[in-house]
Amino acid sequence: MKLPTLPILRSHKVATVGRDHCEAASGDLTRCEATSGAHLEYNLERSCRWCRINRQGAAAVEFALVAPLFFLLVFGMIEFGRMIMVQQVITNASREGARMAVLDSQTPTASDVTSAVSTYLQNAGISGETVTIDPAEPTTAAYGEPVTVTVQVPFSSVSWLPAPMFINADTNLTASAVMRRETVQ
């Protein structure tokens, strides 16, 4: 059975080493195969070294092409993540305000509800909110009637980026909570 011939890369010549050629040249097949394998490794390493030398600066060029997209994605994740976080906080603040507005034991006024919502948001580091209560005075609602507390915050006042990039600066984040008044009949 005859083995396929392998090319050996030399300076500018390609020589083939086959089983018949090795036996004929040296008479020792194992010695010839070991020598040709070492020759192949050396020539392969040498040719790869030239490829590495010619590719200097390729990583810098690739990074320059990919970096804008990468940073765009990172800043987009930061902005949308902040928006979702603030939306959750104002939802919780509106629930706190609505819960305070419907309790009979405290007889809260609209200013008490607004103060509770503002305190909740300040503790979370959010400012610039607008609180709307319906009915305007929660104590005027009868037993079982709904009381709605709506909290609105402009996104431009809560964004972590200097200027919102993906979300319009005029966007308002809004959350409402509706609960029924719990008065004693």
N, C-alpha and C. Protein backbone atom coordinates (compact mmCIF):
# COMPACT_ATOMS: atom_id res chain seq x y z
N MET A 1 0.84 -1.18 0.00
CA MET A 1 0.00 0.00 0.00
C MET A 1 0.89 1.24 0.00
N LYS A 2 0.53 2.18 -0.80
CA LYS A 2 1.35 3.37 -0.95
C LYS A 2 0.68 4.54 -0.21
N LEU A 3 1.46 5.25 0.61
CA LEU A 3 0.96 6.41 1.33
C LEU A 3 0.94 7.63 0.42
N PRO A 4 0.02 8.56 0.67
CA PRO A 4 0.01 9.77 -0.17
C PRO A 4 1.25 10.60 0.10
N THR A 5 1.64 11.37 -0.86
CA THR A 5 2.83 12.21 -0.71
C THR A 5 2.46 13.51 -0.02
N LEU A 6 3.35 14.03 0.79
CA LEU A 6 3.13 15.27 1.54
C LEU A 6 4.04 16.35 1.02
N PRO A 7 3.54 17.56 0.85
CA PRO A 7 4.43 18.64 0.40
C PRO A 7 5.25 19.16 1.57
N ILE A 8 6.51 19.45 1.34
CA ILE A 8 7.37 20.09 2.34
C ILE A 8 7.70 21.46 1.80
N LEU A 9 7.41 22.47 2.61
CA LEU A 9 7.67 23.83 2.17
C LEU A 9 9.11 24.19 2.48
N ARG A 10 9.83 24.49 1.46
CA ARG A 10 11.20 24.96 1.64
C ARG A 10 11.25 26.36 1.09
N SER A 11 12.39 26.93 1.05
CA SER A 11 12.50 28.34 0.68
C SER A 11 11.63 28.69 -0.53
N HIS A 12 11.87 28.12 -1.69
CA HIS A 12 11.03 28.39 -2.84
C HIS A 12 10.66 27.12 -3.57
N LYS A 13 11.06 25.96 -3.06
CA LYS A 13 10.81 24.70 -3.74
C LYS A 13 9.85 23.87 -2.92
N VAL A 14 9.04 23.11 -3.57
CA VAL A 14 8.15 22.18 -2.90
C VAL A 14 8.63 20.79 -3.25
N ALA A 15 9.04 20.05 -2.24
CA ALA A 15 9.51 18.68 -2.46
C ALA A 15 8.47 17.75 -1.89
N THR A 16 8.35 16.60 -2.46
CA THR A 16 7.40 15.62 -1.96
C THR A 16 8.16 14.49 -1.31
N VAL A 17 7.62 14.09 -0.18
CA VAL A 17 8.22 12.97 0.52
C VAL A 17 7.18 11.88 0.56
N GLY A 18 7.48 10.77 -0.04
CA GLY A 18 6.57 9.64 -0.01
C GLY A 18 7.28 8.45 0.59
N ARG A 19 6.55 7.41 0.78
CA ARG A 19 7.11 6.22 1.40
C ARG A 19 8.23 5.63 0.54
N ASP A 20 8.00 5.58 -0.76
CA ASP A 20 9.01 5.00 -1.65
C ASP A 20 10.26 5.86 -1.67
N HIS A 21 10.08 7.15 -1.65
CA HIS A 21 11.22 8.07 -1.72
C HIS A 21 12.07 7.93 -0.46
N CYS A 22 11.44 7.82 0.73
CA CYS A 22 12.19 7.71 1.98
C CYS A 22 12.96 6.39 2.02
N GLU A 23 12.30 5.32 1.63
CA GLU A 23 12.97 4.03 1.68
C GLU A 23 14.15 4.00 0.72
N ALA A 24 13.94 4.64 -0.40
CA ALA A 24 15.01 4.63 -1.39
C ALA A 24 16.16 5.51 -0.94
N ALA A 25 15.85 6.63 -0.31
CA ALA A 25 16.90 7.57 0.06
C ALA A 25 17.67 7.09 1.28
N SER A 26 16.97 6.65 2.32
CA SER A 26 17.69 6.34 3.55
C SER A 26 17.62 4.86 3.91
N GLY A 27 16.63 4.16 3.43
CA GLY A 27 16.49 2.76 3.77
C GLY A 27 15.79 2.56 5.10
N ASP A 28 15.61 3.60 5.89
CA ASP A 28 14.96 3.51 7.20
C ASP A 28 13.70 4.37 7.16
N LEU A 29 12.54 3.73 7.12
CA LEU A 29 11.27 4.42 6.97
C LEU A 29 10.94 5.27 8.20
N THR A 30 11.15 4.76 9.42
CA THR A 30 10.78 5.51 10.64
C THR A 30 11.63 6.77 10.78
N ARG A 31 12.89 6.68 10.46
CA ARG A 31 13.77 7.85 10.57
C ARG A 31 13.35 8.92 9.56
N CYS A 32 12.99 8.49 8.39
CA CYS A 32 12.59 9.42 7.34
C CYS A 32 11.29 10.12 7.69
N GLU A 33 10.30 9.40 8.26
CA GLU A 33 9.03 10.01 8.62
C GLU A 33 9.21 11.02 9.74
N ALA A 34 10.04 10.72 10.72
CA ALA A 34 10.29 11.65 11.81
C ALA A 34 10.95 12.92 11.30
N THR A 35 11.89 12.77 10.40
CA THR A 35 12.59 13.94 9.86
C THR A 35 11.64 14.80 9.05
N SER A 36 10.82 14.21 8.21
CA SER A 36 9.92 14.99 7.38
C SER A 36 8.85 15.68 8.23
N GLY A 37 8.40 15.04 9.33
CA GLY A 37 7.42 15.68 10.22
C GLY A 37 7.99 16.91 10.90
N ALA A 38 9.23 16.81 11.35
CA ALA A 38 9.88 17.96 11.97
C ALA A 38 10.06 19.07 10.96
N HIS A 39 10.37 18.69 9.73
CA HIS A 39 10.53 19.67 8.67
C HIS A 39 9.22 20.42 8.41
N LEU A 40 8.14 19.67 8.39
CA LEU A 40 6.82 20.28 8.17
C LEU A 40 6.47 21.26 9.29
N GLU A 41 6.72 20.86 10.55
CA GLU A 41 6.41 21.74 11.68
C GLU A 41 7.22 23.02 11.59
N TYR A 42 8.48 22.92 11.29
CA TYR A 42 9.35 24.09 11.20
C TYR A 42 8.86 25.03 10.11
N ASN A 43 8.57 24.47 8.94
CA ASN A 43 8.13 25.30 7.82
C ASN A 43 6.76 25.91 8.09
N LEU A 44 5.87 25.18 8.73
CA LEU A 44 4.55 25.71 9.05
C LEU A 44 4.66 26.83 10.07
N GLU A 45 5.50 26.66 11.07
CA GLU A 45 5.70 27.70 12.08
C GLU A 45 6.30 28.95 11.44
N ARG A 46 7.23 28.75 10.55
CA ARG A 46 7.88 29.89 9.89
C ARG A 46 6.89 30.65 9.01
N SER A 47 6.03 29.94 8.29
CA SER A 47 5.06 30.63 7.43
C SER A 47 3.99 31.32 8.27
N CYS A 48 3.60 30.75 9.40
CA CYS A 48 2.62 31.39 10.27
C CYS A 48 3.20 32.64 10.92
N ARG A 49 4.50 32.60 11.21
CA ARG A 49 5.16 33.77 11.78
C ARG A 49 5.06 34.95 10.82
N TRP A 50 5.22 34.69 9.53
CA TRP A 50 5.10 35.77 8.54
C TRP A 50 3.68 36.32 8.53
N CYS A 51 2.69 35.45 8.70
CA CYS A 51 1.30 35.93 8.76
C CYS A 51 1.09 36.83 9.97
N ARG A 52 1.67 36.45 11.11
CA ARG A 52 1.52 37.27 12.32
C ARG A 52 2.21 38.61 12.15
N ILE A 53 3.35 38.63 11.54
CA ILE A 53 4.08 39.89 11.34
C ILE A 53 3.28 40.81 10.42
N ASN A 54 2.68 40.27 9.40
CA ASN A 54 1.91 41.09 8.46
C ASN A 54 0.58 41.54 9.03
N ARG A 55 0.15 41.00 10.16
CA ARG A 55 -1.15 41.36 10.74
C ARG A 55 -1.01 42.32 11.92
N GLN A 56 0.11 42.94 12.11
CA GLN A 56 0.25 43.89 13.21
C GLN A 56 -0.69 45.06 12.97
N GLY A 57 -1.42 45.44 14.02
CA GLY A 57 -2.36 46.54 13.92
C GLY A 57 -3.76 46.11 13.52
N ALA A 58 -3.95 44.85 13.18
CA ALA A 58 -5.27 44.37 12.77
C ALA A 58 -6.26 44.44 13.92
N ALA A 59 -5.81 44.15 15.13
CA ALA A 59 -6.71 44.20 16.29
C ALA A 59 -7.17 45.63 16.55
N ALA A 60 -6.29 46.59 16.36
CA ALA A 60 -6.67 47.99 16.57
C ALA A 60 -7.71 48.43 15.54
N VAL A 61 -7.55 48.01 14.31
CA VAL A 61 -8.52 48.35 13.27
C VAL A 61 -9.86 47.68 13.54
N GLU A 62 -9.83 46.41 13.93
CA GLU A 62 -11.07 45.70 14.24
C GLU A 62 -11.78 46.35 15.42
N PHE A 63 -11.02 46.74 16.45
CA PHE A 63 -11.62 47.41 17.60
C PHE A 63 -12.23 48.75 17.19
N ALA A 64 -11.56 49.49 16.33
CA ALA A 64 -12.09 50.77 15.87
C ALA A 64 -13.40 50.59 15.11
N LEU A 65 -13.56 49.47 14.43
CA LEU A 65 -14.80 49.21 13.71
C LEU A 65 -15.92 48.74 14.64
N VAL A 66 -15.58 47.97 15.65
CA VAL A 66 -16.58 47.36 16.53
C VAL A 66 -16.92 48.25 17.73
N ALA A 67 -16.00 49.09 18.18
CA ALA A 67 -16.19 49.88 19.41
C ALA A 67 -17.43 50.76 19.38
N PRO A 68 -17.73 51.49 18.29
CA PRO A 68 -18.94 52.33 18.32
C PRO A 68 -20.21 51.52 18.55
N LEU A 69 -20.31 50.38 17.89
CA LEU A 69 -21.49 49.53 18.08
C LEU A 69 -21.54 48.98 19.50
N PHE A 70 -20.40 48.59 20.02
CA PHE A 70 -20.34 48.06 21.38
C PHE A 70 -20.79 49.12 22.40
N PHE A 71 -20.25 50.33 22.29
CA PHE A 71 -20.62 51.39 23.23
C PHE A 71 -22.07 51.82 23.05
N LEU A 72 -22.57 51.79 21.84
CA LEU A 72 -23.97 52.10 21.59
C LEU A 72 -24.87 51.10 22.31
N LEU A 73 -24.52 49.82 22.24
CA LEU A 73 -25.30 48.80 22.94
C LEU A 73 -25.21 48.96 24.46
N VAL A 74 -24.02 49.27 24.97
CA VAL A 74 -23.85 49.44 26.42
C VAL A 74 -24.67 50.62 26.92
N PHE A 75 -24.58 51.76 26.24
CA PHE A 75 -25.34 52.93 26.67
C PHE A 75 -26.84 52.71 26.52
N GLY A 76 -27.24 51.98 25.50
CA GLY A 76 -28.66 51.65 25.34
C GLY A 76 -29.17 50.79 26.48
N MET A 77 -28.36 49.81 26.90
CA MET A 77 -28.76 48.97 28.04
C MET A 77 -28.85 49.78 29.32
N ILE A 78 -27.92 50.71 29.50
CA ILE A 78 -27.96 51.56 30.69
C ILE A 78 -29.23 52.40 30.69
N GLU A 79 -29.54 53.01 29.55
CA GLU A 79 -30.69 53.90 29.48
C GLU A 79 -32.01 53.15 29.65
N PHE A 80 -32.19 52.03 28.97
CA PHE A 80 -33.43 51.28 29.11
C PHE A 80 -33.53 50.64 30.49
N GLY A 81 -32.42 50.20 31.04
CA GLY A 81 -32.43 49.65 32.40
C GLY A 81 -32.85 50.68 33.42
N ARG A 82 -32.33 51.89 33.28
CA ARG A 82 -32.72 52.98 34.20
C ARG A 82 -34.20 53.31 34.03
N MET A 83 -34.70 53.32 32.80
CA MET A 83 -36.11 53.62 32.58
C MET A 83 -37.00 52.58 33.26
N ILE A 84 -36.66 51.31 33.13
CA ILE A 84 -37.47 50.25 33.75
C ILE A 84 -37.39 50.35 35.27
N MET A 85 -36.21 50.66 35.80
CA MET A 85 -36.06 50.79 37.25
C MET A 85 -36.90 51.94 37.79
N VAL A 86 -36.86 53.10 37.13
CA VAL A 86 -37.63 54.26 37.57
C VAL A 86 -39.13 53.97 37.44
N GLN A 87 -39.51 53.28 36.39
CA GLN A 87 -40.93 52.93 36.22
C GLN A 87 -41.42 52.07 37.38
N GLN A 88 -40.61 51.13 37.81
CA GLN A 88 -40.98 50.29 38.95
C GLN A 88 -41.07 51.11 40.23
N VAL A 89 -40.14 52.03 40.44
CA VAL A 89 -40.15 52.85 41.65
C VAL A 89 -41.37 53.75 41.69
N ILE A 90 -41.73 54.37 40.56
CA ILE A 90 -42.90 55.25 40.60
C ILE A 90 -44.20 54.44 40.71
N THR A 91 -44.20 53.21 40.21
CA THR A 91 -45.36 52.34 40.42
C THR A 91 -45.54 52.05 41.91
N ASN A 92 -44.44 51.73 42.60
CA ASN A 92 -44.52 51.49 44.03
C ASN A 92 -44.90 52.75 44.79
N ALA A 93 -44.41 53.91 44.36
CA ALA A 93 -44.76 55.17 45.02
C ALA A 93 -46.24 55.47 44.87
N SER A 94 -46.80 55.21 43.70
CA SER A 94 -48.24 55.44 43.51
C SER A 94 -49.06 54.48 44.36
N ARG A 95 -48.60 53.26 44.56
CA ARG A 95 -49.30 52.31 45.44
C ARG A 95 -49.26 52.78 46.89
N GLU A 96 -48.09 53.27 47.31
CA GLU A 96 -47.98 53.79 48.68
C GLU A 96 -48.93 54.96 48.89
N GLY A 97 -48.98 55.87 47.92
CA GLY A 97 -49.89 57.01 48.03
C GLY A 97 -51.34 56.58 48.03
N ALA A 98 -51.71 55.64 47.16
CA ALA A 98 -53.10 55.17 47.11
C ALA A 98 -53.47 54.44 48.39
N ARG A 99 -52.55 53.69 48.93
CA ARG A 99 -52.84 52.98 50.19
C ARG A 99 -53.08 53.97 51.32
N MET A 100 -52.28 55.02 51.37
CA MET A 100 -52.48 56.04 52.39
C MET A 100 -53.80 56.77 52.19
N ALA A 101 -54.17 57.01 50.93
CA ALA A 101 -55.40 57.76 50.63
C ALA A 101 -56.67 56.99 50.99
N VAL A 102 -56.65 55.66 50.96
CA VAL A 102 -57.88 54.90 51.19
C VAL A 102 -58.08 54.47 52.63
N LEU A 103 -57.04 54.61 53.47
CA LEU A 103 -57.18 54.19 54.85
C LEU A 103 -58.04 55.18 55.63
N ASP A 104 -58.98 54.68 56.40
CA ASP A 104 -59.89 55.53 57.16
C ASP A 104 -59.25 55.98 58.47
N SER A 105 -58.36 55.18 59.02
CA SER A 105 -57.82 55.47 60.33
C SER A 105 -56.96 56.73 60.34
N GLN A 106 -56.38 57.12 59.18
CA GLN A 106 -55.49 58.27 59.16
C GLN A 106 -56.17 59.54 58.67
N THR A 107 -57.32 59.44 58.03
CA THR A 107 -58.01 60.56 57.38
C THR A 107 -57.01 61.49 56.67
N PRO A 108 -56.37 60.97 55.65
CA PRO A 108 -55.33 61.75 54.98
C PRO A 108 -55.92 62.84 54.07
N THR A 109 -55.15 63.90 53.95
CA THR A 109 -55.49 64.96 53.01
C THR A 109 -54.66 64.73 51.74
N ALA A 110 -54.95 65.51 50.72
CA ALA A 110 -54.20 65.39 49.46
C ALA A 110 -52.73 65.73 49.68
N SER A 111 -52.45 66.69 50.55
CA SER A 111 -51.05 67.05 50.81
C SER A 111 -50.32 65.93 51.55
N ASP A 112 -51.03 65.18 52.40
CA ASP A 112 -50.40 64.03 53.07
C ASP A 112 -50.02 62.94 52.06
N VAL A 113 -50.92 62.68 51.14
CA VAL A 113 -50.67 61.66 50.11
C VAL A 113 -49.51 62.11 49.22
N THR A 114 -49.53 63.36 48.79
CA THR A 114 -48.45 63.89 47.95
C THR A 114 -47.12 63.84 48.70
N SER A 115 -47.14 64.16 49.96
CA SER A 115 -45.91 64.12 50.77
C SER A 115 -45.38 62.69 50.90
N ALA A 116 -46.29 61.72 51.09
CA ALA A 116 -45.86 60.32 51.20
C ALA A 116 -45.22 59.83 49.90
N VAL A 117 -45.82 60.21 48.77
CA VAL A 117 -45.28 59.81 47.47
C VAL A 117 -43.92 60.48 47.24
N SER A 118 -43.82 61.77 47.55
CA SER A 118 -42.56 62.50 47.36
C SER A 118 -41.45 61.94 48.24
N THR A 119 -41.77 61.58 49.47
CA THR A 119 -40.78 60.99 50.37
C THR A 119 -40.28 59.65 49.84
N TYR A 120 -41.20 58.84 49.35
CA TYR A 120 -40.83 57.54 48.79
C TYR A 120 -39.88 57.73 47.60
N LEU A 121 -40.20 58.67 46.73
CA LEU A 121 -39.37 58.90 45.55
C LEU A 121 -38.02 59.52 45.91
N GLN A 122 -37.99 60.41 46.89
CA GLN A 122 -36.72 61.00 47.32
C GLN A 122 -35.79 59.95 47.92
N ASN A 123 -36.37 59.01 48.66
CA ASN A 123 -35.54 57.92 49.22
C ASN A 123 -34.94 57.05 48.11
N ALA A 124 -35.61 57.02 46.96
CA ALA A 124 -35.10 56.24 45.82
C ALA A 124 -34.22 57.10 44.92
N GLY A 125 -34.05 58.37 45.24
CA GLY A 125 -33.19 59.25 44.44
C GLY A 125 -33.86 59.80 43.20
N ILE A 126 -35.17 59.92 43.22
CA ILE A 126 -35.92 60.42 42.06
C ILE A 126 -36.58 61.73 42.45
N SER A 127 -36.46 62.71 41.58
CA SER A 127 -37.09 64.01 41.84
C SER A 127 -37.78 64.50 40.57
N GLY A 128 -38.55 65.56 40.70
CA GLY A 128 -39.25 66.14 39.55
C GLY A 128 -40.59 65.50 39.27
N GLU A 129 -41.20 64.88 40.27
CA GLU A 129 -42.45 64.17 40.06
C GLU A 129 -43.66 65.11 40.12
N THR A 130 -44.73 64.66 39.50
CA THR A 130 -46.03 65.33 39.57
C THR A 130 -47.01 64.29 40.08
N VAL A 131 -47.70 64.61 41.17
CA VAL A 131 -48.65 63.68 41.78
C VAL A 131 -50.06 64.22 41.57
N THR A 132 -50.95 63.36 41.04
CA THR A 132 -52.34 63.72 40.82
C THR A 132 -53.22 62.73 41.58
N ILE A 133 -54.19 63.28 42.31
CA ILE A 133 -55.09 62.43 43.10
C ILE A 133 -56.51 62.65 42.61
N ASP A 134 -57.27 61.57 42.43
CA ASP A 134 -58.67 61.66 42.00
C ASP A 134 -59.51 60.79 42.91
N PRO A 135 -60.44 61.32 43.66
CA PRO A 135 -60.85 62.72 43.80
C PRO A 135 -59.76 63.56 44.47
N ALA A 136 -59.84 64.87 44.25
CA ALA A 136 -58.79 65.79 44.70
C ALA A 136 -58.52 65.67 46.20
N GLU A 137 -59.56 65.48 46.99
CA GLU A 137 -59.41 65.20 48.43
C GLU A 137 -59.88 63.77 48.66
N PRO A 138 -58.99 62.88 49.06
CA PRO A 138 -59.37 61.47 49.19
C PRO A 138 -60.43 61.24 50.26
N THR A 139 -60.54 62.13 51.24
CA THR A 139 -61.54 61.92 52.30
C THR A 139 -62.95 62.14 51.79
N THR A 140 -63.12 62.76 50.63
CA THR A 140 -64.47 62.97 50.08
C THR A 140 -65.02 61.71 49.41
N ALA A 141 -64.20 60.74 49.16
CA ALA A 141 -64.66 59.50 48.55
C ALA A 141 -65.41 58.68 49.59
N ALA A 142 -66.55 58.13 49.19
CA ALA A 142 -67.36 57.32 50.10
C ALA A 142 -66.81 55.90 50.15
N TYR A 143 -67.39 55.10 51.05
CA TYR A 143 -66.96 53.71 51.21
C TYR A 143 -67.06 52.97 49.87
N GLY A 144 -65.97 52.29 49.48
CA GLY A 144 -65.95 51.47 48.27
C GLY A 144 -65.68 52.24 46.99
N GLU A 145 -65.65 53.58 47.06
CA GLU A 145 -65.37 54.34 45.84
C GLU A 145 -63.87 54.32 45.54
N PRO A 146 -63.50 54.33 44.27
CA PRO A 146 -62.07 54.26 43.92
C PRO A 146 -61.36 55.60 44.15
N VAL A 147 -60.14 55.48 44.59
CA VAL A 147 -59.24 56.63 44.72
C VAL A 147 -58.03 56.32 43.84
N THR A 148 -57.71 57.22 42.94
CA THR A 148 -56.61 57.02 42.00
C THR A 148 -55.47 57.98 42.32
N VAL A 149 -54.27 57.44 42.42
CA VAL A 149 -53.07 58.25 42.60
C VAL A 149 -52.19 58.01 41.38
N THR A 150 -51.87 59.09 40.67
CA THR A 150 -51.05 59.01 39.47
C THR A 150 -49.75 59.78 39.71
N VAL A 151 -48.64 59.15 39.40
CA VAL A 151 -47.32 59.77 39.54
C VAL A 151 -46.70 59.86 38.16
N GLN A 152 -46.18 61.05 37.84
CA GLN A 152 -45.57 61.27 36.53
C GLN A 152 -44.20 61.91 36.73
N VAL A 153 -43.19 61.35 36.05
CA VAL A 153 -41.81 61.85 36.15
C VAL A 153 -41.27 62.00 34.73
N PRO A 154 -40.70 63.17 34.38
CA PRO A 154 -40.06 63.27 33.06
C PRO A 154 -38.76 62.46 33.03
N PHE A 155 -38.56 61.68 31.97
CA PHE A 155 -37.40 60.82 31.89
C PHE A 155 -36.10 61.61 31.86
N SER A 156 -36.12 62.80 31.32
CA SER A 156 -34.89 63.59 31.25
C SER A 156 -34.35 63.94 32.63
N SER A 157 -35.22 63.98 33.65
CA SER A 157 -34.76 64.31 35.01
C SER A 157 -34.23 63.09 35.76
N VAL A 158 -34.42 61.88 35.24
CA VAL A 158 -33.96 60.69 35.94
C VAL A 158 -32.95 59.86 35.16
N SER A 159 -32.62 60.28 33.94
CA SER A 159 -31.67 59.53 33.12
C SER A 159 -30.27 59.65 33.71
N TRP A 160 -29.50 58.57 33.65
CA TRP A 160 -28.13 58.59 34.15
C TRP A 160 -27.17 59.13 33.10
N LEU A 161 -27.59 59.16 31.86
CA LEU A 161 -26.74 59.70 30.81
C LEU A 161 -26.93 61.21 30.74
N PRO A 162 -25.91 61.95 30.31
CA PRO A 162 -26.03 63.42 30.25
C PRO A 162 -27.21 63.88 29.40
N ALA A 163 -27.42 63.23 28.29
CA ALA A 163 -28.58 63.53 27.44
C ALA A 163 -29.14 62.20 26.97
N PRO A 164 -30.44 61.98 27.16
CA PRO A 164 -31.02 60.71 26.70
C PRO A 164 -30.76 60.49 25.22
N MET A 165 -30.24 59.31 24.88
CA MET A 165 -29.86 59.02 23.50
C MET A 165 -30.97 58.29 22.74
N PHE A 166 -31.61 57.34 23.36
CA PHE A 166 -32.57 56.49 22.67
C PHE A 166 -34.01 56.84 23.00
N ILE A 167 -34.20 57.37 24.18
CA ILE A 167 -35.55 57.71 24.63
C ILE A 167 -35.70 59.22 24.54
N ASN A 168 -36.79 59.65 23.96
CA ASN A 168 -37.04 61.08 23.77
C ASN A 168 -37.01 61.80 25.12
N ALA A 169 -36.38 62.97 25.16
CA ALA A 169 -36.25 63.73 26.40
C ALA A 169 -37.61 64.20 26.91
N ASP A 170 -38.59 64.28 26.04
CA ASP A 170 -39.93 64.72 26.44
C ASP A 170 -40.79 63.58 26.97
N THR A 171 -40.27 62.39 27.03
CA THR A 171 -41.02 61.23 27.50
C THR A 171 -41.27 61.32 28.98
N ASN A 172 -42.50 61.08 29.36
CA ASN A 172 -42.88 61.07 30.78
C ASN A 172 -43.18 59.64 31.19
N LEU A 173 -42.62 59.24 32.32
CA LEU A 173 -42.92 57.93 32.88
C LEU A 173 -44.10 58.12 33.82
N THR A 174 -45.12 57.31 33.65
CA THR A 174 -46.36 57.47 34.41
C THR A 174 -46.77 56.15 35.03
N ALA A 175 -47.24 56.24 36.28
CA ALA A 175 -47.78 55.06 36.95
C ALA A 175 -49.00 55.48 37.75
N SER A 176 -50.00 54.63 37.76
CA SER A 176 -51.24 54.89 38.51
C SER A 176 -51.58 53.69 39.37
N ALA A 177 -52.18 54.01 40.51
CA ALA A 177 -52.69 52.95 41.38
C ALA A 177 -54.11 53.33 41.78
N VAL A 178 -55.03 52.37 41.67
CA VAL A 178 -56.43 52.60 42.02
C VAL A 178 -56.78 51.64 43.14
N MET A 179 -57.30 52.21 44.24
CA MET A 179 -57.76 51.39 45.37
C MET A 179 -59.10 51.93 45.84
N ARG A 180 -59.88 51.05 46.47
CA ARG A 180 -61.20 51.46 46.98
C ARG A 180 -61.08 51.99 48.39
N ARG A 181 -61.85 53.01 48.66
CA ARG A 181 -61.82 53.66 49.97
C ARG A 181 -62.34 52.71 51.04
N GLU A 182 -61.64 52.67 52.19
CA GLU A 182 -61.99 51.76 53.27
C GLU A 182 -62.54 52.54 54.45
N THR A 183 -63.64 53.17 54.28
CA THR A 183 -64.24 53.94 55.38
C THR A 183 -65.22 53.05 56.14
N VAL A 184 -65.45 53.46 57.37
CA VAL A 184 -66.44 52.75 58.18
C VAL A 184 -67.81 53.29 57.81
N GLN A 185 -68.77 52.40 57.61
CA GLN A 185 -70.11 52.84 57.20
C GLN A 185 -70.92 53.34 58.35
